[in-house]
Amino acid sequence: MIYKERSLDELGVLKYTENQTVNRNIEMGVKVLVPISENEWKEIDVSKIRSTYLQQNETNGERMYYHLHPEFIDNEESICICSNCCSAIAKDKIPELSIANGVDFGDYNRIGLTKLNEYEMSIIAVVSTYFKIIKITTNDVRRNNFSCSKF
C-alpha cells in the first residue's frame, strides 16, 4: 500500500458537516462512566472517544473539525493517506474505510485507558477466531502406522 502526504486543505470531503459540528459541540463536556475493573469506574469525556481533529484558524478563531485521528496529524497539519483513500477524495467521495464512513479503530490512550490484553481483545473483536484441536491416537499402543484413512 502506497501512502501520500496531504494537507488538510485537500481533505474537504473529510470535514464535518454543519450538523456534525453542532452534534460535536453538544457532546463536549458530556461524561460517561466506564468500568475499569470489577469495583472501579472511570469518568470519560464523550468528545474524546470520537476520532476528530480540530483545526483552529488563528486569525479569525474559526473552528473546523475533520474525521481524522488527531494522533496522525503532524505540526504542519498534513497527514499520510493511503492511495485508496486519496483516489476517493480526489473524486470528492468519502473513502469506504474512513472514520467519516463509520470505520474507527479509536485510541485507548486518548481516553486514559490501559491497553487490552489478548483475552479482552478477543471478547470485543468483531470477528472471532474459532478453532478446535483434536489429538488423534489409537487405542493400540503397538500400532505406529497411521497412513490408512477412509472417506
Protein backbone atom coordinates (compact mmCIF):
# COMPACT_ATOMS: atom_id res chain seq x y z
CA MET A 1 0.00 0.00 0.00
CA ILE A 2 1.34 3.40 -1.00
CA TYR A 3 0.80 6.39 1.27
CA LYS A 4 0.71 10.00 0.15
CA GLU A 5 1.12 13.10 2.28
CA ARG A 6 -1.81 15.51 2.03
CA SER A 7 -2.57 18.84 3.66
CA LEU A 8 -5.88 19.41 5.42
CA ASP A 9 -6.90 21.86 2.69
CA GLU A 10 -7.01 18.91 0.26
CA LEU A 11 -9.33 16.87 2.52
CA GLY A 12 -12.57 18.82 2.17
CA VAL A 13 -14.66 15.66 1.96
CA LEU A 14 -13.46 14.69 5.45
CA LYS A 15 -14.63 17.96 7.06
CA TYR A 16 -17.55 17.81 9.45
CA THR A 17 -20.87 18.96 8.04
CA GLU A 18 -22.76 21.71 9.86
CA ASN A 19 -25.00 19.14 11.62
CA GLN A 20 -22.00 17.05 12.65
CA THR A 21 -20.35 20.17 14.08
CA VAL A 22 -23.48 21.02 16.09
CA ASN A 23 -23.65 17.46 17.45
CA ARG A 24 -19.94 17.56 18.27
CA ASN A 25 -20.42 20.77 20.26
CA ILE A 26 -23.31 19.15 22.17
CA GLU A 27 -21.06 16.18 23.06
CA MET A 28 -18.37 18.44 24.55
CA GLY A 29 -18.41 18.15 28.31
CA VAL A 30 -20.76 15.13 28.38
CA LYS A 31 -19.25 12.43 30.58
CA VAL A 32 -19.89 8.69 30.80
CA LEU A 33 -18.78 6.14 33.38
CA VAL A 34 -16.65 3.28 32.03
CA PRO A 35 -15.80 0.20 34.11
CA ILE A 36 -12.06 -0.16 34.69
CA SER A 37 -12.24 -3.21 36.94
CA GLU A 38 -14.86 -5.06 38.93
CA ASN A 39 -15.19 -2.30 41.53
CA GLU A 40 -13.62 0.68 39.76
CA TRP A 41 -15.16 3.13 37.27
CA LYS A 42 -13.64 5.99 35.30
CA GLU A 43 -15.38 9.12 34.08
CA ILE A 44 -14.58 9.82 30.40
CA ASP A 45 -15.40 12.82 28.23
CA VAL A 46 -17.53 11.57 25.29
CA SER A 47 -15.97 14.09 22.90
CA LYS A 48 -12.56 12.42 23.37
CA ILE A 49 -13.85 8.99 22.32
CA ARG A 50 -14.66 10.07 18.77
CA SER A 51 -11.68 10.41 16.41
CA THR A 52 -11.80 14.08 15.48
CA TYR A 53 -9.14 16.58 14.56
CA LEU A 54 -9.80 20.24 15.36
CA GLN A 55 -8.21 22.88 13.14
CA GLN A 56 -8.47 26.37 14.57
CA ASN A 57 -7.89 29.39 12.35
CA GLU A 58 -5.54 31.71 14.24
CA THR A 59 -6.71 34.90 12.50
CA ASN A 60 -10.49 34.64 12.87
CA GLY A 61 -10.78 31.87 15.51
CA GLU A 62 -12.95 29.70 13.23
CA ARG A 63 -13.00 26.04 14.25
CA MET A 64 -13.10 23.26 11.65
CA TYR A 65 -13.47 19.59 12.58
CA TYR A 66 -12.18 16.71 10.45
CA HIS A 67 -12.91 12.97 10.52
CA LEU A 68 -9.24 12.17 11.26
CA HIS A 69 -7.22 10.66 14.09
CA PRO A 70 -5.58 13.63 15.86
CA GLU A 71 -2.59 11.39 16.64
CA PHE A 72 -1.74 11.17 12.91
CA ILE A 73 -1.64 14.91 12.16
CA ASP A 74 1.81 16.46 12.23
CA ASN A 75 2.68 20.06 13.21
CA GLU A 76 2.42 21.18 9.59
CA GLU A 77 -1.22 19.99 9.54
CA SER A 78 -0.60 17.30 6.99
CA ILE A 79 -1.34 13.59 7.08
CA CYS A 80 -0.27 10.46 5.20
CA ILE A 81 -3.24 8.82 3.49
CA CYS A 82 -3.37 5.52 1.61
CA SER A 83 -3.76 5.51 -2.16
CA ASN A 84 -7.32 4.10 -1.97
CA CYS A 85 -8.46 6.99 0.22
CA CYS A 86 -6.58 9.51 -1.96
CA SER A 87 -8.44 8.22 -5.03
CA ALA A 88 -11.82 8.56 -3.33
CA ILE A 89 -11.01 12.05 -2.00
CA ALA A 90 -9.87 13.15 -5.48
CA LYS A 91 -13.33 12.13 -6.76
CA ASP A 92 -14.91 14.09 -3.86
CA LYS A 93 -16.23 10.89 -2.27
CA ILE A 94 -15.93 9.69 1.30
CA PRO A 95 -13.41 6.81 1.42
CA GLU A 96 -15.01 3.44 2.14
CA LEU A 97 -12.77 2.58 5.11
CA SER A 98 -12.60 6.02 6.72
CA ILE A 99 -13.73 7.50 10.01
CA ALA A 100 -16.19 9.66 8.05
CA ASN A 101 -17.82 6.42 6.87
CA GLY A 102 -18.04 5.00 10.41
CA VAL A 103 -14.84 2.90 10.48
CA ASP A 104 -12.86 3.97 13.54
CA PHE A 105 -10.35 1.83 15.45
CA GLY A 106 -10.05 4.51 18.16
CA ASP A 107 -7.19 5.03 20.58
CA TYR A 108 -7.30 3.85 24.19
CA ASN A 109 -4.60 6.39 25.19
CA ARG A 110 -6.83 9.32 24.23
CA ILE A 111 -9.33 8.46 26.95
CA GLY A 112 -6.82 7.26 29.55
CA LEU A 113 -7.47 3.52 29.39
CA THR A 114 -4.83 0.80 29.52
CA LYS A 115 -4.08 -1.47 26.58
CA LEU A 116 -6.33 -4.53 26.37
CA ASN A 117 -4.79 -7.93 26.88
CA GLU A 118 -5.27 -10.76 24.36
CA TYR A 119 -8.34 -12.18 26.11
CA GLU A 120 -10.10 -8.81 26.35
CA MET A 121 -9.41 -8.13 22.65
CA SER A 122 -10.91 -11.48 21.67
CA ILE A 123 -14.06 -10.69 23.68
CA ILE A 124 -14.74 -7.38 21.91
CA ALA A 125 -13.49 -8.45 18.46
CA VAL A 126 -15.91 -8.08 15.56
CA VAL A 127 -14.66 -11.35 14.07
CA SER A 128 -13.89 -14.27 16.36
CA THR A 129 -11.31 -16.87 15.61
CA TYR A 130 -12.62 -20.36 16.13
CA PHE A 131 -10.50 -23.47 16.03
CA LYS A 132 -10.53 -26.93 17.53
CA ILE A 133 -7.50 -29.00 18.37
CA ILE A 134 -8.04 -32.73 18.18
CA LYS A 135 -5.50 -35.29 19.26
CA ILE A 136 -5.73 -38.42 17.13
CA THR A 137 -4.35 -41.57 18.69
CA THR A 138 -5.09 -45.25 18.55
CA ASN A 139 -6.11 -47.48 21.42
CA ASP A 140 -3.43 -49.91 20.31
CA VAL A 141 -0.12 -48.50 21.56
CA ARG A 142 1.80 -51.01 19.43
CA ARG A 143 0.45 -49.56 16.19
CA ASN A 144 2.67 -46.86 14.70
CA ASN A 145 1.46 -46.74 11.08
CA PHE A 146 -1.33 -44.16 10.77
CA SER A 147 -1.26 -43.84 6.97
CA CYS A 148 -4.57 -45.66 6.43
CA SER A 149 -7.58 -43.37 6.06
CA LYS A 150 -11.06 -43.86 4.63
CA PHE A 151 -13.72 -41.44 3.35
